[in-house]
């Protein structure tokens, strides 16, 4: 999978208002009601990651999930990252489809 240009990334990000592009990766932060809800979303996201064979860099502090997506083999952001971002959005904010 080939790395996207910065212009391609910025155009694709128009569909992902919760995400930003910097440091050669896509970044988002999601806040949940409590730790249990955050961890539940992480568990659901983990299944999507396995299905796509693509895994994020992420951290969880109490009710906040911070995610960074980049395709290391390609040296930057690819369509694979946007596919996972879309799956994450559908899990985290299913009512906003």
N, C-alpha and C. Protein backbone atom coordinates (compact mmCIF):
# COMPACT_ATOMS: atom_id res chain seq x y z
N UNK A 1 0.85 -1.18 0.00
CA UNK A 1 0.00 0.00 0.00
C UNK A 1 0.89 1.24 0.00
N UNK A 2 0.57 2.19 -0.87
CA UNK A 2 1.44 3.36 -0.99
C UNK A 2 0.96 4.51 -0.11
N UNK A 3 1.93 5.28 0.31
CA UNK A 3 1.71 6.45 1.17
C UNK A 3 0.94 7.51 0.39
N UNK A 4 -0.04 8.13 1.05
CA UNK A 4 -0.83 9.18 0.42
C UNK A 4 -0.08 10.51 0.49
N UNK A 5 -0.37 11.39 -0.46
CA UNK A 5 0.21 12.73 -0.41
C UNK A 5 -0.50 13.54 0.66
N UNK A 6 0.13 14.61 1.10
CA UNK A 6 -0.48 15.46 2.11
C UNK A 6 -1.80 16.03 1.60
N UNK A 7 -1.86 16.37 0.32
CA UNK A 7 -3.09 16.90 -0.27
C UNK A 7 -4.20 15.84 -0.24
N UNK A 8 -3.88 14.59 -0.59
CA UNK A 8 -4.86 13.50 -0.52
C UNK A 8 -5.38 13.32 0.90
N UNK A 9 -4.46 13.38 1.86
CA UNK A 9 -4.82 13.20 3.27
C UNK A 9 -5.77 14.31 3.71
N UNK A 10 -5.42 15.56 3.40
CA UNK A 10 -6.26 16.70 3.80
C UNK A 10 -7.65 16.59 3.18
N UNK A 11 -7.73 16.16 1.93
CA UNK A 11 -9.02 15.99 1.27
C UNK A 11 -9.84 14.90 1.95
N UNK A 12 -9.22 13.77 2.24
CA UNK A 12 -9.93 12.66 2.90
C UNK A 12 -10.36 13.05 4.32
N UNK A 13 -9.59 13.89 4.99
CA UNK A 13 -9.92 14.30 6.36
C UNK A 13 -11.20 15.12 6.43
N UNK A 14 -11.65 15.66 5.33
CA UNK A 14 -12.90 16.42 5.33
C UNK A 14 -14.07 15.55 5.79
N UNK A 15 -13.96 14.25 5.58
CA UNK A 15 -15.00 13.31 6.03
C UNK A 15 -14.81 12.86 7.48
N UNK A 16 -13.70 13.28 8.10
CA UNK A 16 -13.36 12.83 9.44
C UNK A 16 -13.04 14.03 10.35
N UNK A 17 -14.05 14.78 10.76
CA UNK A 17 -13.80 16.00 11.52
C UNK A 17 -13.12 15.78 12.88
N UNK A 18 -13.20 14.57 13.42
CA UNK A 18 -12.57 14.30 14.72
C UNK A 18 -11.07 14.01 14.60
N UNK A 19 -10.58 13.89 13.37
CA UNK A 19 -9.20 13.49 13.14
C UNK A 19 -8.36 14.65 12.61
N UNK A 20 -7.06 14.63 12.96
CA UNK A 20 -6.11 15.62 12.45
C UNK A 20 -4.90 14.89 11.88
N UNK A 21 -4.21 15.57 10.98
CA UNK A 21 -2.99 15.02 10.41
C UNK A 21 -1.80 15.86 10.86
N UNK A 22 -0.87 15.23 11.55
CA UNK A 22 0.41 15.84 11.91
C UNK A 22 1.38 14.73 12.31
N UNK A 23 2.65 15.06 12.29
CA UNK A 23 3.70 14.08 12.61
C UNK A 23 3.57 12.80 11.78
N UNK A 24 3.16 12.96 10.52
CA UNK A 24 3.10 11.83 9.59
C UNK A 24 2.08 10.76 10.01
N UNK A 25 1.01 11.18 10.70
CA UNK A 25 0.00 10.22 11.16
C UNK A 25 -1.34 10.93 11.34
N UNK A 26 -2.41 10.14 11.41
CA UNK A 26 -3.73 10.63 11.75
C UNK A 26 -3.90 10.52 13.26
N UNK A 27 -4.48 11.54 13.87
CA UNK A 27 -4.63 11.56 15.32
C UNK A 27 -6.06 11.93 15.71
N UNK A 28 -6.57 11.28 16.76
CA UNK A 28 -7.89 11.61 17.29
C UNK A 28 -7.90 11.33 18.79
N UNK A 29 -8.79 12.03 19.46
CA UNK A 29 -8.97 11.81 20.90
C UNK A 29 -10.47 11.73 21.16
N UNK A 30 -10.89 10.70 21.86
CA UNK A 30 -12.30 10.49 22.15
C UNK A 30 -12.50 10.41 23.66
N UNK A 31 -13.52 11.11 24.13
CA UNK A 31 -13.83 11.11 25.56
C UNK A 31 -15.14 10.37 25.78
N UNK A 32 -15.15 9.50 26.77
CA UNK A 32 -16.31 8.68 27.09
C UNK A 32 -16.87 9.06 28.45
N UNK A 33 -18.02 8.51 28.76
CA UNK A 33 -18.68 8.78 30.04
C UNK A 33 -17.81 8.32 31.23
N UNK A 34 -17.15 7.16 31.07
CA UNK A 34 -16.36 6.61 32.17
C UNK A 34 -15.34 5.61 31.59
N UNK A 35 -14.53 5.04 32.46
CA UNK A 35 -13.49 4.10 32.04
C UNK A 35 -14.09 2.87 31.37
N UNK A 36 -15.16 2.35 31.92
CA UNK A 36 -15.79 1.13 31.38
C UNK A 36 -16.22 1.34 29.94
N UNK A 37 -16.85 2.46 29.64
CA UNK A 37 -17.29 2.74 28.28
C UNK A 37 -16.10 2.89 27.34
N UNK A 38 -15.06 3.54 27.82
CA UNK A 38 -13.85 3.71 27.01
C UNK A 38 -13.21 2.36 26.70
N UNK A 39 -13.07 1.55 27.72
CA UNK A 39 -12.45 0.24 27.54
C UNK A 39 -13.31 -0.65 26.64
N UNK A 40 -14.63 -0.53 26.77
CA UNK A 40 -15.52 -1.29 25.89
C UNK A 40 -15.32 -0.92 24.43
N UNK A 41 -15.19 0.38 24.16
CA UNK A 41 -14.94 0.83 22.79
C UNK A 41 -13.59 0.31 22.30
N UNK A 42 -12.59 0.33 23.16
CA UNK A 42 -11.27 -0.17 22.79
C UNK A 42 -11.35 -1.65 22.42
N UNK A 43 -12.12 -2.40 23.16
CA UNK A 43 -12.28 -3.83 22.86
C UNK A 43 -12.92 -4.04 21.50
N UNK A 44 -13.96 -3.26 21.19
CA UNK A 44 -14.61 -3.38 19.89
C UNK A 44 -13.66 -2.95 18.77
N UNK A 45 -12.91 -1.89 19.01
CA UNK A 45 -11.93 -1.42 18.02
C UNK A 45 -10.87 -2.48 17.78
N UNK A 46 -10.46 -3.18 18.83
CA UNK A 46 -9.43 -4.22 18.70
C UNK A 46 -9.85 -5.31 17.71
N UNK A 47 -11.13 -5.67 17.71
CA UNK A 47 -11.62 -6.67 16.75
C UNK A 47 -11.52 -6.15 15.32
N UNK A 48 -11.82 -4.87 15.11
CA UNK A 48 -11.69 -4.28 13.78
C UNK A 48 -10.22 -4.25 13.35
N UNK A 49 -9.35 -3.92 14.27
CA UNK A 49 -7.91 -3.89 13.97
C UNK A 49 -7.43 -5.26 13.50
N UNK A 50 -7.85 -6.29 14.19
CA UNK A 50 -7.46 -7.63 13.81
C UNK A 50 -8.02 -8.00 12.44
N UNK A 51 -9.28 -7.63 12.20
CA UNK A 51 -9.91 -7.95 10.92
C UNK A 51 -9.19 -7.25 9.76
N UNK A 52 -8.72 -6.03 10.00
CA UNK A 52 -8.02 -5.27 8.97
C UNK A 52 -6.52 -5.53 8.97
N UNK A 53 -6.05 -6.28 9.97
CA UNK A 53 -4.61 -6.51 10.16
C UNK A 53 -3.84 -5.18 10.17
N UNK A 54 -4.38 -4.25 10.95
CA UNK A 54 -3.79 -2.92 11.05
C UNK A 54 -4.03 -2.43 12.47
N UNK A 55 -2.98 -2.01 13.14
CA UNK A 55 -3.07 -1.76 14.57
C UNK A 55 -2.60 -0.35 14.91
N UNK A 56 -3.39 0.37 15.72
CA UNK A 56 -3.06 1.75 16.04
C UNK A 56 -2.04 1.84 17.17
N UNK A 57 -1.48 3.02 17.30
CA UNK A 57 -0.79 3.39 18.53
C UNK A 57 -1.86 4.11 19.33
N UNK A 58 -2.11 3.66 20.55
CA UNK A 58 -3.14 4.31 21.34
C UNK A 58 -2.82 4.31 22.81
N UNK A 59 -3.42 5.25 23.51
CA UNK A 59 -3.30 5.32 24.96
C UNK A 59 -4.69 5.55 25.53
N UNK A 60 -4.85 5.11 26.75
CA UNK A 60 -6.12 5.28 27.46
C UNK A 60 -5.80 5.81 28.85
N UNK A 61 -6.36 6.95 29.17
CA UNK A 61 -6.26 7.49 30.53
C UNK A 61 -7.69 7.74 30.99
N UNK A 62 -8.09 6.94 31.96
CA UNK A 62 -9.44 6.92 32.51
C UNK A 62 -10.50 6.84 31.40
N UNK A 63 -11.13 7.97 31.05
CA UNK A 63 -12.22 7.93 30.06
C UNK A 63 -11.82 8.54 28.72
N UNK A 64 -10.53 8.73 28.50
CA UNK A 64 -10.06 9.34 27.26
C UNK A 64 -9.19 8.35 26.48
N UNK A 65 -9.54 8.19 25.21
CA UNK A 65 -8.79 7.32 24.29
C UNK A 65 -8.12 8.19 23.25
N UNK A 66 -6.80 8.11 23.15
CA UNK A 66 -6.03 8.85 22.17
C UNK A 66 -5.47 7.86 21.16
N UNK A 67 -5.70 8.13 19.88
CA UNK A 67 -5.33 7.19 18.82
C UNK A 67 -4.46 7.88 17.78
N UNK A 68 -3.44 7.15 17.32
CA UNK A 68 -2.58 7.61 16.23
C UNK A 68 -2.52 6.49 15.19
N UNK A 69 -2.80 6.85 13.92
CA UNK A 69 -2.79 5.87 12.84
C UNK A 69 -1.76 6.23 11.79
N UNK A 70 -0.94 5.27 11.44
CA UNK A 70 0.06 5.41 10.39
C UNK A 70 0.42 4.01 9.92
N UNK A 71 0.72 3.88 8.64
CA UNK A 71 1.13 2.58 8.11
C UNK A 71 2.65 2.55 8.08
N UNK A 72 3.23 1.89 9.05
CA UNK A 72 4.69 1.92 9.22
C UNK A 72 5.43 1.37 8.00
N UNK A 73 4.87 0.31 7.39
CA UNK A 73 5.53 -0.28 6.21
C UNK A 73 5.63 0.71 5.05
N UNK A 74 4.66 1.64 4.97
CA UNK A 74 4.65 2.62 3.87
C UNK A 74 5.33 3.93 4.28
N UNK A 75 5.63 4.07 5.56
CA UNK A 75 6.28 5.29 6.03
C UNK A 75 5.36 6.49 6.13
N UNK A 76 4.07 6.25 6.34
CA UNK A 76 3.13 7.35 6.48
C UNK A 76 1.70 6.87 6.41
N UNK A 77 0.80 7.79 6.11
CA UNK A 77 -0.63 7.51 6.08
C UNK A 77 -1.03 6.92 4.72
N UNK A 78 -1.82 5.85 4.78
CA UNK A 78 -2.32 5.18 3.58
C UNK A 78 -3.84 5.05 3.68
N UNK A 79 -4.43 4.50 2.64
CA UNK A 79 -5.88 4.24 2.67
C UNK A 79 -6.25 3.28 3.79
N UNK A 80 -5.33 2.44 4.18
CA UNK A 80 -5.57 1.50 5.28
C UNK A 80 -5.87 2.25 6.58
N UNK A 81 -5.18 3.37 6.79
CA UNK A 81 -5.42 4.17 7.99
C UNK A 81 -6.81 4.79 7.97
N UNK A 82 -7.23 5.26 6.80
CA UNK A 82 -8.56 5.84 6.69
C UNK A 82 -9.64 4.78 6.85
N UNK A 83 -9.38 3.57 6.39
CA UNK A 83 -10.34 2.47 6.56
C UNK A 83 -10.52 2.17 8.05
N UNK A 84 -9.42 2.14 8.79
CA UNK A 84 -9.50 1.89 10.22
C UNK A 84 -10.13 3.09 10.94
N UNK A 85 -9.81 4.30 10.53
CA UNK A 85 -10.43 5.50 11.14
C UNK A 85 -11.95 5.45 10.97
N UNK A 86 -12.41 5.02 9.80
CA UNK A 86 -13.84 4.91 9.56
C UNK A 86 -14.47 3.86 10.47
N UNK A 87 -13.81 2.73 10.63
CA UNK A 87 -14.32 1.69 11.53
C UNK A 87 -14.37 2.20 12.97
N UNK A 88 -13.35 2.93 13.38
CA UNK A 88 -13.31 3.49 14.73
C UNK A 88 -14.44 4.48 14.92
N UNK A 89 -14.66 5.35 13.94
CA UNK A 89 -15.76 6.32 14.01
C UNK A 89 -17.10 5.62 14.18
N UNK A 90 -17.32 4.54 13.44
CA UNK A 90 -18.58 3.81 13.53
C UNK A 90 -18.79 3.17 14.90
N UNK A 91 -17.70 2.86 15.58
CA UNK A 91 -17.80 2.28 16.93
C UNK A 91 -17.99 3.38 17.96
N UNK A 92 -17.21 4.43 17.87
CA UNK A 92 -17.20 5.47 18.88
C UNK A 92 -18.42 6.39 18.78
N UNK A 93 -18.84 6.69 17.55
CA UNK A 93 -19.96 7.61 17.35
C UNK A 93 -20.94 7.03 16.34
N UNK A 94 -21.60 5.92 16.68
CA UNK A 94 -22.46 5.24 15.72
C UNK A 94 -23.67 6.05 15.29
N UNK A 95 -24.11 7.00 16.09
CA UNK A 95 -25.30 7.79 15.76
C UNK A 95 -25.01 8.87 14.73
N UNK A 96 -23.74 9.12 14.42
CA UNK A 96 -23.39 10.21 13.53
C UNK A 96 -23.05 9.73 12.13
N UNK A 97 -23.60 8.63 11.69
CA UNK A 97 -23.32 8.10 10.36
C UNK A 97 -24.01 8.91 9.30
